[in-house]
Amino acid sequence: MKDEGEKGFADGLAMDAQDRLYITDGEHHSILRRWPDGHFDVVARDARIVWPDGIFATAGHVYVTLGQWNRLPSFNGGKDLREPPYLLMRAPLEATAPVDATRTKK
């Protein structure tokens, strides 16, 4: 096993065909990408990315479910703070700057 360094709290990981690792970053409402040389960049950052967990990478996009687990009653004194709709987000992979996770094509 090799220590690949720190990256913070994650709940989901996925790889693409170019050996890039996609990581959910719930603390910062983000999806990160780790390149084979070890550097990270931000694929998407948006306040609506609430506890991203399930993640899947394709050739052109990363898909992430937003679980809102931190809003469950067990974390909030018995009060359910989850807010529908429960989202699946899609972000393009080749973006050079962070993108709005909810932007859609028409």
PDB file of N, CA and C in Angstrom:
ATOM      1  N   MET A   1       0.841  -1.163   0.000  1.00  0.00           N
ATOM      2  CA  MET A   1       0.000   0.000   0.000  1.00  0.00           C
ATOM      3  C   MET A   1       0.898   1.241   0.000  1.00  0.00           C
ATOM      4  N   LYS A   2       0.446   2.272  -0.724  1.00  0.00           N
ATOM      5  CA  LYS A   2       1.190   3.528  -0.828  1.00  0.00           C
ATOM      6  C   LYS A   2       0.337   4.669  -0.304  1.00  0.00           C
ATOM      7  N   ASP A   3       0.906   5.501   0.557  1.00  0.00           N
ATOM      8  CA  ASP A   3       0.221   6.686   1.056  1.00  0.00           C
ATOM      9  C   ASP A   3       0.212   7.723  -0.059  1.00  0.00           C
ATOM     10  N   GLU A   4      -0.981   8.117  -0.501  1.00  0.00           N
ATOM     11  CA  GLU A   4      -1.122   9.082  -1.589  1.00  0.00           C
ATOM     12  C   GLU A   4      -1.331  10.505  -1.083  1.00  0.00           C
ATOM     13  N   GLY A   5      -1.306  10.719   0.220  1.00  0.00           N
ATOM     14  CA  GLY A   5      -1.421  12.057   0.784  1.00  0.00           C
ATOM     15  C   GLY A   5      -2.814  12.383   1.271  1.00  0.00           C
ATOM     16  N   GLU A   6      -2.952  13.552   1.878  1.00  0.00           N
ATOM     17  CA  GLU A   6      -4.211  14.013   2.448  1.00  0.00           C
ATOM     18  C   GLU A   6      -5.098  14.648   1.393  1.00  0.00           C
ATOM     19  N   LYS A   7      -6.397  14.503   1.556  1.00  0.00           N
ATOM     20  CA  LYS A   7      -7.334  15.205   0.692  1.00  0.00           C
ATOM     21  C   LYS A   7      -8.592  15.607   1.436  1.00  0.00           C
ATOM     22  N   GLY A   8      -8.749  15.214   2.678  1.00  0.00           N
ATOM     23  CA  GLY A   8      -9.921  15.601   3.436  1.00  0.00           C
ATOM     24  C   GLY A   8     -10.997  14.533   3.439  1.00  0.00           C
ATOM     25  N   PHE A   9     -12.192  14.913   3.906  1.00  0.00           N
ATOM     26  CA  PHE A   9     -13.322  13.996   4.041  1.00  0.00           C
ATOM     27  C   PHE A   9     -13.915  13.647   2.673  1.00  0.00           C
ATOM     28  N   ALA A  10     -14.126  12.371   2.419  1.00  0.00           N
ATOM     29  CA  ALA A  10     -14.756  11.927   1.169  1.00  0.00           C
ATOM     30  C   ALA A  10     -15.770  10.842   1.476  1.00  0.00           C
ATOM     31  N   ASP A  11     -16.824  10.780   0.687  1.00  0.00           N
ATOM     32  CA  ASP A  11     -17.822   9.723   0.826  1.00  0.00           C
ATOM     33  C   ASP A  11     -17.946   8.915  -0.461  1.00  0.00           C
ATOM     34  N   GLY A  12     -17.289   9.343  -1.532  1.00  0.00           N
ATOM     35  CA  GLY A  12     -17.358   8.625  -2.791  1.00  0.00           C
ATOM     36  C   GLY A  12     -16.101   8.819  -3.612  1.00  0.00           C
ATOM     37  N   LEU A  13     -15.720   7.760  -4.345  1.00  0.00           N
ATOM     38  CA  LEU A  13     -14.543   7.782  -5.206  1.00  0.00           C
ATOM     39  C   LEU A  13     -14.887   7.104  -6.524  1.00  0.00           C
ATOM     40  N   ALA A  14     -14.309   7.598  -7.612  1.00  0.00           N
ATOM     41  CA  ALA A  14     -14.474   6.964  -8.920  1.00  0.00           C
ATOM     42  C   ALA A  14     -13.222   7.244  -9.745  1.00  0.00           C
ATOM     43  N   MET A  15     -12.910   6.343 -10.674  1.00  0.00           N
ATOM     44  CA  MET A  15     -11.774   6.529 -11.583  1.00  0.00           C
ATOM     45  C   MET A  15     -12.305   6.640 -13.009  1.00  0.00           C
ATOM     46  N   ASP A  16     -11.539   7.334 -13.857  1.00  0.00           N
ATOM     47  CA  ASP A  16     -11.875   7.346 -15.276  1.00  0.00           C
ATOM     48  C   ASP A  16     -10.809   6.582 -16.054  1.00  0.00           C
ATOM     49  N   ALA A  17     -10.964   6.506 -17.364  1.00  0.00           N
ATOM     50  CA  ALA A  17     -10.057   5.734 -18.213  1.00  0.00           C
ATOM     51  C   ALA A  17      -8.649   6.335 -18.268  1.00  0.00           C
ATOM     52  N   GLN A  18      -8.494   7.599 -17.879  1.00  0.00           N
ATOM     53  CA  GLN A  18      -7.180   8.255 -17.865  1.00  0.00           C
ATOM     54  C   GLN A  18      -6.517   8.186 -16.486  1.00  0.00           C
ATOM     55  N   ASP A  19      -7.005   7.302 -15.622  1.00  0.00           N
ATOM     56  CA  ASP A  19      -6.462   7.126 -14.269  1.00  0.00           C
ATOM     57  C   ASP A  19      -6.566   8.382 -13.409  1.00  0.00           C
ATOM     58  N   ARG A  20      -7.593   9.181 -13.652  1.00  0.00           N
ATOM     59  CA  ARG A  20      -7.879  10.321 -12.790  1.00  0.00           C
ATOM     60  C   ARG A  20      -8.909   9.865 -11.765  1.00  0.00           C
ATOM     61  N   LEU A  21      -8.701  10.279 -10.531  1.00  0.00           N
ATOM     62  CA  LEU A  21      -9.575   9.900  -9.426  1.00  0.00           C
ATOM     63  C   LEU A  21     -10.513  11.057  -9.122  1.00  0.00           C
ATOM     64  N   TYR A  22     -11.807  10.760  -9.023  1.00  0.00           N
ATOM     65  CA  TYR A  22     -12.816  11.758  -8.681  1.00  0.00           C
ATOM     66  C   TYR A  22     -13.265  11.504  -7.255  1.00  0.00           C
ATOM     67  N   ILE A  23     -13.311  12.563  -6.461  1.00  0.00           N
ATOM     68  CA  ILE A  23     -13.532  12.452  -5.028  1.00  0.00           C
ATOM     69  C   ILE A  23     -14.602  13.440  -4.605  1.00  0.00           C
ATOM     70  N   THR A  24     -15.572  12.964  -3.844  1.00  0.00           N
ATOM     71  CA  THR A  24     -16.556  13.885  -3.280  1.00  0.00           C
ATOM     72  C   THR A  24     -15.912  14.630  -2.118  1.00  0.00           C
ATOM     73  N   ASP A  25     -16.259  15.888  -1.958  1.00  0.00           N
ATOM     74  CA  ASP A  25     -15.714  16.731  -0.893  1.00  0.00           C
ATOM     75  C   ASP A  25     -16.873  17.491  -0.248  1.00  0.00           C
ATOM     76  N   GLY A  26     -17.583  16.810   0.644  1.00  0.00           N
ATOM     77  CA  GLY A  26     -18.754  17.383   1.273  1.00  0.00           C
ATOM     78  C   GLY A  26     -18.466  18.590   2.138  1.00  0.00           C
ATOM     79  N   GLU A  27     -17.280  18.664   2.712  1.00  0.00           N
ATOM     80  CA  GLU A  27     -16.925  19.813   3.550  1.00  0.00           C
ATOM     81  C   GLU A  27     -16.900  21.114   2.759  1.00  0.00           C
ATOM     82  N   HIS A  28     -16.584  21.029   1.478  1.00  0.00           N
ATOM     83  CA  HIS A  28     -16.439  22.215   0.637  1.00  0.00           C
ATOM     84  C   HIS A  28     -17.446  22.242  -0.508  1.00  0.00           C
ATOM     85  N   HIS A  29     -18.489  21.416  -0.429  1.00  0.00           N
ATOM     86  CA  HIS A  29     -19.545  21.384  -1.452  1.00  0.00           C
ATOM     87  C   HIS A  29     -18.937  21.215  -2.844  1.00  0.00           C
ATOM     88  N   SER A  30     -18.017  20.259  -2.977  1.00  0.00           N
ATOM     89  CA  SER A  30     -17.238  20.140  -4.207  1.00  0.00           C
ATOM     90  C   SER A  30     -17.048  18.702  -4.652  1.00  0.00           C
ATOM     91  N   ILE A  31     -16.661  18.599  -5.925  1.00  0.00           N
ATOM     92  CA  ILE A  31     -16.164  17.359  -6.503  1.00  0.00           C
ATOM     93  C   ILE A  31     -14.740  17.667  -6.950  1.00  0.00           C
ATOM     94  N   LEU A  32     -13.790  16.875  -6.472  1.00  0.00           N
ATOM     95  CA  LEU A  32     -12.386  17.073  -6.795  1.00  0.00           C
ATOM     96  C   LEU A  32     -11.911  16.028  -7.787  1.00  0.00           C
ATOM     97  N   ARG A  33     -10.858  16.375  -8.523  1.00  0.00           N
ATOM     98  CA  ARG A  33     -10.212  15.429  -9.439  1.00  0.00           C
ATOM     99  C   ARG A  33      -8.742  15.364  -9.059  1.00  0.00           C
ATOM    100  N   ARG A  34      -8.233  14.148  -8.882  1.00  0.00           N
ATOM    101  CA  ARG A  34      -6.808  13.942  -8.601  1.00  0.00           C
ATOM    102  C   ARG A  34      -6.178  13.372  -9.856  1.00  0.00           C
ATOM    103  N   TRP A  35      -5.197  14.061 -10.381  1.00  0.00           N
ATOM    104  CA  TRP A  35      -4.500  13.659 -11.596  1.00  0.00           C
ATOM    105  C   TRP A  35      -3.427  12.623 -11.258  1.00  0.00           C
ATOM    106  N   PRO A  36      -2.985  11.829 -12.242  1.00  0.00           N
ATOM    107  CA  PRO A  36      -1.962  10.816 -11.975  1.00  0.00           C
ATOM    108  C   PRO A  36      -0.675  11.364 -11.349  1.00  0.00           C
ATOM    109  N   ASP A  37      -0.348  12.643 -11.596  1.00  0.00           N
ATOM    110  CA  ASP A  37       0.857  13.217 -10.992  1.00  0.00           C
ATOM    111  C   ASP A  37       0.643  13.649  -9.542  1.00  0.00           C
ATOM    112  N   GLY A  38      -0.611  13.508  -9.032  1.00  0.00           N
ATOM    113  CA  GLY A  38      -0.895  13.794  -7.628  1.00  0.00           C
ATOM    114  C   GLY A  38      -1.552  15.129  -7.352  1.00  0.00           C
ATOM    115  N   HIS A  39      -1.645  16.033  -8.323  1.00  0.00           N
ATOM    116  CA  HIS A  39      -2.279  17.319  -8.033  1.00  0.00           C
ATOM    117  C   HIS A  39      -3.796  17.205  -8.159  1.00  0.00           C
ATOM    118  N   PHE A  40      -4.492  18.090  -7.452  1.00  0.00           N
ATOM    119  CA  PHE A  40      -5.950  18.124  -7.439  1.00  0.00           C
ATOM    120  C   PHE A  40      -6.446  19.377  -8.137  1.00  0.00           C
ATOM    121  N   ASP A  41      -7.639  19.281  -8.746  1.00  0.00           N
ATOM    122  CA  ASP A  41      -8.362  20.458  -9.176  1.00  0.00           C
ATOM    123  C   ASP A  41      -9.832  20.255  -8.844  1.00  0.00           C
ATOM    124  N   VAL A  42     -10.606  21.304  -9.006  1.00  0.00           N
ATOM    125  CA  VAL A  42     -12.026  21.272  -8.681  1.00  0.00           C
ATOM    126  C   VAL A  42     -12.813  21.080  -9.968  1.00  0.00           C
ATOM    127  N   VAL A  43     -13.647  20.035 -10.006  1.00  0.00           N
ATOM    128  CA  VAL A  43     -14.527  19.791 -11.146  1.00  0.00           C
ATOM    129  C   VAL A  43     -15.803  20.611 -10.994  1.00  0.00           C
ATOM    130  N   ALA A  44     -16.358  20.629  -9.790  1.00  0.00           N
ATOM    131  CA  ALA A  44     -17.591  21.390  -9.524  1.00  0.00           C
ATOM    132  C   ALA A  44     -17.593  21.842  -8.075  1.00  0.00           C
ATOM    133  N   ARG A  45     -18.107  23.054  -7.864  1.00  0.00           N
ATOM    134  CA  ARG A  45     -18.294  23.566  -6.502  1.00  0.00           C
ATOM    135  C   ARG A  45     -19.585  24.387  -6.506  1.00  0.00           C
ATOM    136  N   ASP A  46     -20.467  24.057  -5.569  1.00  0.00           N
ATOM    137  CA  ASP A  46     -21.755  24.734  -5.512  1.00  0.00           C
ATOM    138  C   ASP A  46     -22.345  24.470  -4.135  1.00  0.00           C
ATOM    139  N   ALA A  47     -22.939  25.463  -3.515  1.00  0.00           N
ATOM    140  CA  ALA A  47     -23.529  25.310  -2.182  1.00  0.00           C
ATOM    141  C   ALA A  47     -24.621  24.245  -2.162  1.00  0.00           C
ATOM    142  N   ARG A  48     -25.199  23.936  -3.322  1.00  0.00           N
ATOM    143  CA  ARG A  48     -26.243  22.911  -3.387  1.00  0.00           C
ATOM    144  C   ARG A  48     -25.684  21.493  -3.414  1.00  0.00           C
ATOM    145  N   ILE A  49     -24.376  21.342  -3.470  1.00  0.00           N
ATOM    146  CA  ILE A  49     -23.759  20.011  -3.379  1.00  0.00           C
ATOM    147  C   ILE A  49     -23.701  19.672  -1.893  1.00  0.00           C
ATOM    148  N   VAL A  50     -24.747  19.013  -1.405  1.00  0.00           N
ATOM    149  CA  VAL A  50     -24.883  18.701   0.016  1.00  0.00           C
ATOM    150  C   VAL A  50     -24.628  17.211   0.231  1.00  0.00           C
ATOM    151  N   TRP A  51     -23.562  16.929   0.935  1.00  0.00           N
ATOM    152  CA  TRP A  51     -23.081  15.579   1.230  1.00  0.00           C
ATOM    153  C   TRP A  51     -23.096  14.702  -0.025  1.00  0.00           C
ATOM    154  N   PRO A  52     -22.227  14.999  -0.990  1.00  0.00           N
ATOM    155  CA  PRO A  52     -22.130  14.164  -2.186  1.00  0.00           C
ATOM    156  C   PRO A  52     -21.591  12.790  -1.809  1.00  0.00           C
ATOM    157  N   ASP A  53     -22.215  11.749  -2.354  1.00  0.00           N
ATOM    158  CA  ASP A  53     -21.731  10.416  -1.981  1.00  0.00           C
ATOM    159  C   ASP A  53     -21.502   9.531  -3.201  1.00  0.00           C
ATOM    160  N   GLY A  54     -22.531   8.920  -3.771  1.00  0.00           N
ATOM    161  CA  GLY A  54     -22.325   8.038  -4.914  1.00  0.00           C
ATOM    162  C   GLY A  54     -21.776   8.814  -6.094  1.00  0.00           C
ATOM    163  N   ILE A  55     -20.740   8.274  -6.756  1.00  0.00           N
ATOM    164  CA  ILE A  55     -20.091   8.994  -7.856  1.00  0.00           C
ATOM    165  C   ILE A  55     -19.710   8.013  -8.947  1.00  0.00           C
ATOM    166  N   PHE A  56     -19.857   8.471 -10.201  1.00  0.00           N
ATOM    167  CA  PHE A  56     -19.540   7.636 -11.366  1.00  0.00           C
ATOM    168  C   PHE A  56     -18.963   8.534 -12.447  1.00  0.00           C
ATOM    169  N   ALA A  57     -17.830   8.150 -13.025  1.00  0.00           N
ATOM    170  CA  ALA A  57     -17.187   8.947 -14.066  1.00  0.00           C
ATOM    171  C   ALA A  57     -17.305   8.236 -15.413  1.00  0.00           C
ATOM    172  N   THR A  58     -17.659   9.009 -16.452  1.00  0.00           N
ATOM    173  CA  THR A  58     -17.679   8.517 -17.825  1.00  0.00           C
ATOM    174  C   THR A  58     -16.590   9.266 -18.589  1.00  0.00           C
ATOM    175  N   ALA A  59     -16.558   9.095 -19.892  1.00  0.00           N
ATOM    176  CA  ALA A  59     -15.552   9.779 -20.697  1.00  0.00           C
ATOM    177  C   ALA A  59     -15.713  11.297 -20.671  1.00  0.00           C
ATOM    178  N   GLY A  60     -16.940  11.790 -20.497  1.00  0.00           N
ATOM    179  CA  GLY A  60     -17.145  13.223 -20.583  1.00  0.00           C
ATOM    180  C   GLY A  60     -17.741  13.898 -19.382  1.00  0.00           C
ATOM    181  N   HIS A  61     -18.272  13.116 -18.421  1.00  0.00           N
ATOM    182  CA  HIS A  61     -18.961  13.717 -17.270  1.00  0.00           C
ATOM    183  C   HIS A  61     -18.715  12.905 -16.006  1.00  0.00           C
ATOM    184  N   VAL A  62     -18.945  13.558 -14.885  1.00  0.00           N
ATOM    185  CA  VAL A  62     -18.988  12.864 -13.606  1.00  0.00           C
ATOM    186  C   VAL A  62     -20.407  13.053 -13.071  1.00  0.00           C
ATOM    187  N   TYR A  63     -20.988  11.967 -12.565  1.00  0.00           N
ATOM    188  CA  TYR A  63     -22.340  11.970 -12.003  1.00  0.00           C
ATOM    189  C   TYR A  63     -22.225  11.712 -10.517  1.00  0.00           C
ATOM    190  N   VAL A  64     -22.972  12.473  -9.712  1.00  0.00           N
ATOM    191  CA  VAL A  64     -22.870  12.358  -8.261  1.00  0.00           C
ATOM    192  C   VAL A  64     -24.255  12.470  -7.644  1.00  0.00           C
ATOM    193  N   THR A  65     -24.571  11.558  -6.729  1.00  0.00           N
ATOM    194  CA  THR A  65     -25.803  11.685  -5.953  1.00  0.00           C
ATOM    195  C   THR A  65     -25.515  12.555  -4.736  1.00  0.00           C
ATOM    196  N   LEU A  66     -26.512  13.349  -4.372  1.00  0.00           N
ATOM    197  CA  LEU A  66     -26.368  14.269  -3.237  1.00  0.00           C
ATOM    198  C   LEU A  66     -27.261  13.773  -2.110  1.00  0.00           C
ATOM    199  N   GLY A  67     -26.656  13.123  -1.125  1.00  0.00           N
ATOM    200  CA  GLY A  67     -27.389  12.392  -0.112  1.00  0.00           C
ATOM    201  C   GLY A  67     -28.005  13.202   1.013  1.00  0.00           C
ATOM    202  N   GLN A  68     -27.497  14.383   1.281  1.00  0.00           N
ATOM    203  CA  GLN A  68     -27.972  15.203   2.392  1.00  0.00           C
ATOM    204  C   GLN A  68     -27.927  14.465   3.735  1.00  0.00           C
ATOM    205  N   TRP A  69     -26.985  13.546   3.891  1.00  0.00           N
ATOM    206  CA  TRP A  69     -26.924  12.728   5.105  1.00  0.00           C
ATOM    207  C   TRP A  69     -26.743  13.585   6.347  1.00  0.00           C
ATOM    208  N   ASN A  70     -26.034  14.689   6.231  1.00  0.00           N
ATOM    209  CA  ASN A  70     -25.814  15.560   7.389  1.00  0.00           C
ATOM    210  C   ASN A  70     -27.088  16.259   7.844  1.00  0.00           C
ATOM    211  N   ARG A  71     -28.144  16.165   7.068  1.00  0.00           N
ATOM    212  CA  ARG A  71     -29.417  16.789   7.426  1.00  0.00           C
ATOM    213  C   ARG A  71     -30.413  15.797   8.043  1.00  0.00           C
ATOM    214  N   LEU A  72     -29.989  14.544   8.236  1.00  0.00           N
ATOM    215  CA  LEU A  72     -30.860  13.533   8.843  1.00  0.00           C
ATOM    216  C   LEU A  72     -31.161  13.881  10.301  1.00  0.00           C
ATOM    217  N   PRO A  73     -32.305  13.428  10.812  1.00  0.00           N
ATOM    218  CA  PRO A  73     -32.674  13.720  12.203  1.00  0.00           C
ATOM    219  C   PRO A  73     -31.609  13.321  13.227  1.00  0.00           C
ATOM    220  N   SER A  74     -30.908  12.206  12.970  1.00  0.00           N
ATOM    221  CA  SER A  74     -29.909  11.747  13.936  1.00  0.00           C
ATOM    222  C   SER A  74     -28.738  12.714  14.095  1.00  0.00           C
ATOM    223  N   PHE A  75     -28.535  13.608  13.143  1.00  0.00           N
ATOM    224  CA  PHE A  75     -27.479  14.618  13.229  1.00  0.00           C
ATOM    225  C   PHE A  75     -28.000  15.968  13.704  1.00  0.00           C
ATOM    226  N   ASN A  76     -29.311  16.113  13.866  1.00  0.00           N
ATOM    227  CA  ASN A  76     -29.908  17.420  14.115  1.00  0.00           C
ATOM    228  C   ASN A  76     -30.946  17.405  15.228  1.00  0.00           C
ATOM    229  N   GLY A  77     -30.622  16.719  16.319  1.00  0.00           N
ATOM    230  CA  GLY A  77     -31.506  16.709  17.475  1.00  0.00           C
ATOM    231  C   GLY A  77     -32.899  16.198  17.181  1.00  0.00           C
ATOM    232  N   GLY A  78     -33.018  15.242  16.263  1.00  0.00           N
ATOM    233  CA  GLY A  78     -34.306  14.652  15.928  1.00  0.00           C
ATOM    234  C   GLY A  78     -35.068  15.382  14.832  1.00  0.00           C
ATOM    235  N   LYS A  79     -34.552  16.490  14.339  1.00  0.00           N
ATOM    236  CA  LYS A  79     -35.242  17.260  13.302  1.00  0.00           C
ATOM    237  C   LYS A  79     -34.704  16.888  11.917  1.00  0.00           C
ATOM    238  N   ASP A  80     -35.597  16.557  10.996  1.00  0.00           N
ATOM    239  CA  ASP A  80     -35.233  16.205   9.622  1.00  0.00           C
ATOM    240  C   ASP A  80     -35.082  17.496   8.821  1.00  0.00           C
ATOM    241  N   LEU A  81     -33.858  17.805   8.408  1.00  0.00           N
ATOM    242  CA  LEU A  81     -33.576  19.035   7.667  1.00  0.00           C
ATOM    243  C   LEU A  81     -33.385  18.795   6.168  1.00  0.00           C
ATOM    244  N   ARG A  82     -33.608  17.556   5.718  1.00  0.00           N
ATOM    245  CA  ARG A  82     -33.446  17.279   4.283  1.00  0.00           C
ATOM    246  C   ARG A  82     -34.442  18.108   3.475  1.00  0.00           C
ATOM    247  N   GLU A  83     -34.018  18.513   2.287  1.00  0.00           N
ATOM    248  CA  GLU A  83     -34.841  19.341   1.420  1.00  0.00           C
ATOM    249  C   GLU A  83     -34.972  18.712   0.040  1.00  0.00           C
ATOM    250  N   PRO A  84     -36.180  18.240  -0.316  1.00  0.00           N
ATOM    251  CA  PRO A  84     -36.368  17.741  -1.678  1.00  0.00           C
ATOM    252  C   PRO A  84     -36.234  18.901  -2.662  1.00  0.00           C
ATOM    253  N   PRO A  85     -35.867  18.683  -3.894  1.00  0.00           N
ATOM    254  CA  PRO A  85     -35.679  17.360  -4.490  1.00  0.00           C
ATOM    255  C   PRO A  85     -34.309  16.781  -4.128  1.00  0.00           C
ATOM    256  N   TYR A  86     -34.236  15.472  -4.160  1.00  0.00           N
ATOM    257  CA  TYR A  86     -32.986  14.762  -3.927  1.00  0.00           C
ATOM    258  C   TYR A  86     -32.319  14.623  -5.283  1.00  0.00           C
ATOM    259  N   LEU A  87     -31.129  15.175  -5.405  1.00  0.00           N
ATOM    260  CA  LEU A  87     -30.543  15.418  -6.714  1.00  0.00           C
ATOM    261  C   LEU A  87     -29.480  14.420  -7.135  1.00  0.00           C
ATOM    262  N   LEU A  88     -29.407  14.245  -8.441  1.00  0.00           N
ATOM    263  CA  LEU A  88     -28.291  13.609  -9.126  1.00  0.00           C
ATOM    264  C   LEU A  88     -27.695  14.712  -9.981  1.00  0.00           C
ATOM    265  N   MET A  89     -26.429  15.043  -9.770  1.00  0.00           N
ATOM    266  CA  MET A  89     -25.816  16.114 -10.548  1.00  0.00           C
ATOM    267  C   MET A  89     -24.884  15.538 -11.592  1.00  0.00           C
ATOM    268  N   ARG A  90     -24.696  16.293 -12.661  1.00  0.00           N
ATOM    269  CA  ARG A  90     -23.764  15.925 -13.722  1.00  0.00           C
ATOM    270  C   ARG A  90     -22.875  17.126 -13.994  1.00  0.00           C
ATOM    271  N   ALA A  91     -21.566  16.895 -14.050  1.00  0.00           N
ATOM    272  CA  ALA A  91     -20.621  17.968 -14.342  1.00  0.00           C
ATOM    273  C   ALA A  91     -19.678  17.493 -15.443  1.00  0.00           C
ATOM    274  N   PRO A  92     -19.342  18.395 -16.386  1.00  0.00           N
ATOM    275  CA  PRO A  92     -18.387  18.026 -17.438  1.00  0.00           C
ATOM    276  C   PRO A  92     -16.996  17.838 -16.854  1.00  0.00           C
ATOM    277  N   LEU A  93     -16.235  16.912 -17.436  1.00  0.00           N
ATOM    278  CA  LEU A  93     -14.910  16.606 -16.901  1.00  0.00           C
ATOM    279  C   LEU A  93     -13.805  17.489 -17.441  1.00  0.00           C
ATOM    280  N   GLU A  94     -13.951  18.024 -18.597  1.00  0.00           N
ATOM    281  CA  GLU A  94     -12.848  18.775 -19.190  1.00  0.00           C
ATOM    282  C   GLU A  94     -12.928  20.256 -18.921  1.00  0.00           C
ATOM    283  N   ALA A  95     -13.820  20.682 -18.036  1.00  0.00           N
ATOM    284  CA  ALA A  95     -13.913  22.105 -17.690  1.00  0.00           C
ATOM    285  C   ALA A  95     -12.602  22.553 -17.054  1.00  0.00           C
ATOM    286  N   THR A  96     -12.187  23.754 -17.350  1.00  0.00           N
ATOM    287  CA  THR A  96     -10.943  24.273 -16.778  1.00  0.00           C
ATOM    288  C   THR A  96     -11.191  25.084 -15.522  1.00  0.00           C
ATOM    289  N   ALA A  97     -12.447  25.419 -15.256  1.00  0.00           N
ATOM    290  CA  ALA A  97     -12.793  26.187 -14.057  1.00  0.00           C
ATOM    291  C   ALA A  97     -13.970  25.502 -13.383  1.00  0.00           C
ATOM    292  N   PRO A  98     -14.174  25.723 -12.081  1.00  0.00           N
ATOM    293  CA  PRO A  98     -15.338  25.139 -11.420  1.00  0.00           C
ATOM    294  C   PRO A  98     -16.618  25.525 -12.136  1.00  0.00           C
ATOM    295  N   VAL A  99     -17.545  24.571 -12.190  1.00  0.00           N
ATOM    296  CA  VAL A  99     -18.815  24.811 -12.872  1.00  0.00           C
ATOM    297  C   VAL A  99     -19.964  24.752 -11.888  1.00  0.00           C
ATOM    298  N   ASP A 100     -21.057  25.393 -12.238  1.00  0.00           N
ATOM    299  CA  ASP A 100     -22.278  25.331 -11.449  1.00  0.00           C
ATOM    300  C   ASP A 100     -22.857  23.938 -11.614  1.00  0.00           C
ATOM    301  N   ALA A 101     -23.012  23.210 -10.526  1.00  0.00           N
ATOM    302  CA  ALA A 101     -23.442  21.820 -10.571  1.00  0.00           C
ATOM    303  C   ALA A 101     -24.850  21.642 -11.095  1.00  0.00           C
ATOM    304  N   THR A 102     -25.654  22.669 -11.093  1.00  0.00           N
ATOM    305  CA  THR A 102     -27.043  22.510 -11.502  1.00  0.00           C
ATOM    306  C   THR A 102     -27.296  23.042 -12.910  1.00  0.00           C
ATOM    307  N   ARG A 103     -26.256  23.525 -13.574  1.00  0.00           N
ATOM    308  CA  ARG A 103     -26.421  24.035 -14.933  1.00  0.00           C
ATOM    309  C   ARG A 103     -26.827  22.893 -15.859  1.00  0.00           C
ATOM    310  N   THR A 104     -27.824  23.097 -16.652  1.00  0.00           N
ATOM    311  CA  THR A 104     -28.278  22.058 -17.566  1.00  0.00           C
ATOM    312  C   THR A 104     -28.306  22.587 -18.980  1.00  0.00           C
ATOM    313  N   LYS A 105     -28.172  21.681 -19.940  1.00  0.00           N
ATOM    314  CA  LYS A 105     -28.270  22.042 -21.352  1.00  0.00           C
ATOM    315  C   LYS A 105     -29.713  22.016 -21.766  1.00  0.00           C
ATOM    316  N   LYS A 106     -30.094  22.902 -22.670  1.00  0.00           N
ATOM    317  CA  LYS A 106     -31.451  22.905 -23.197  1.00  0.00           C
ATOM    318  C   LYS A 106     -31.420  22.574 -24.646  1.00  0.00           C
TER     319      LYS A 106
END
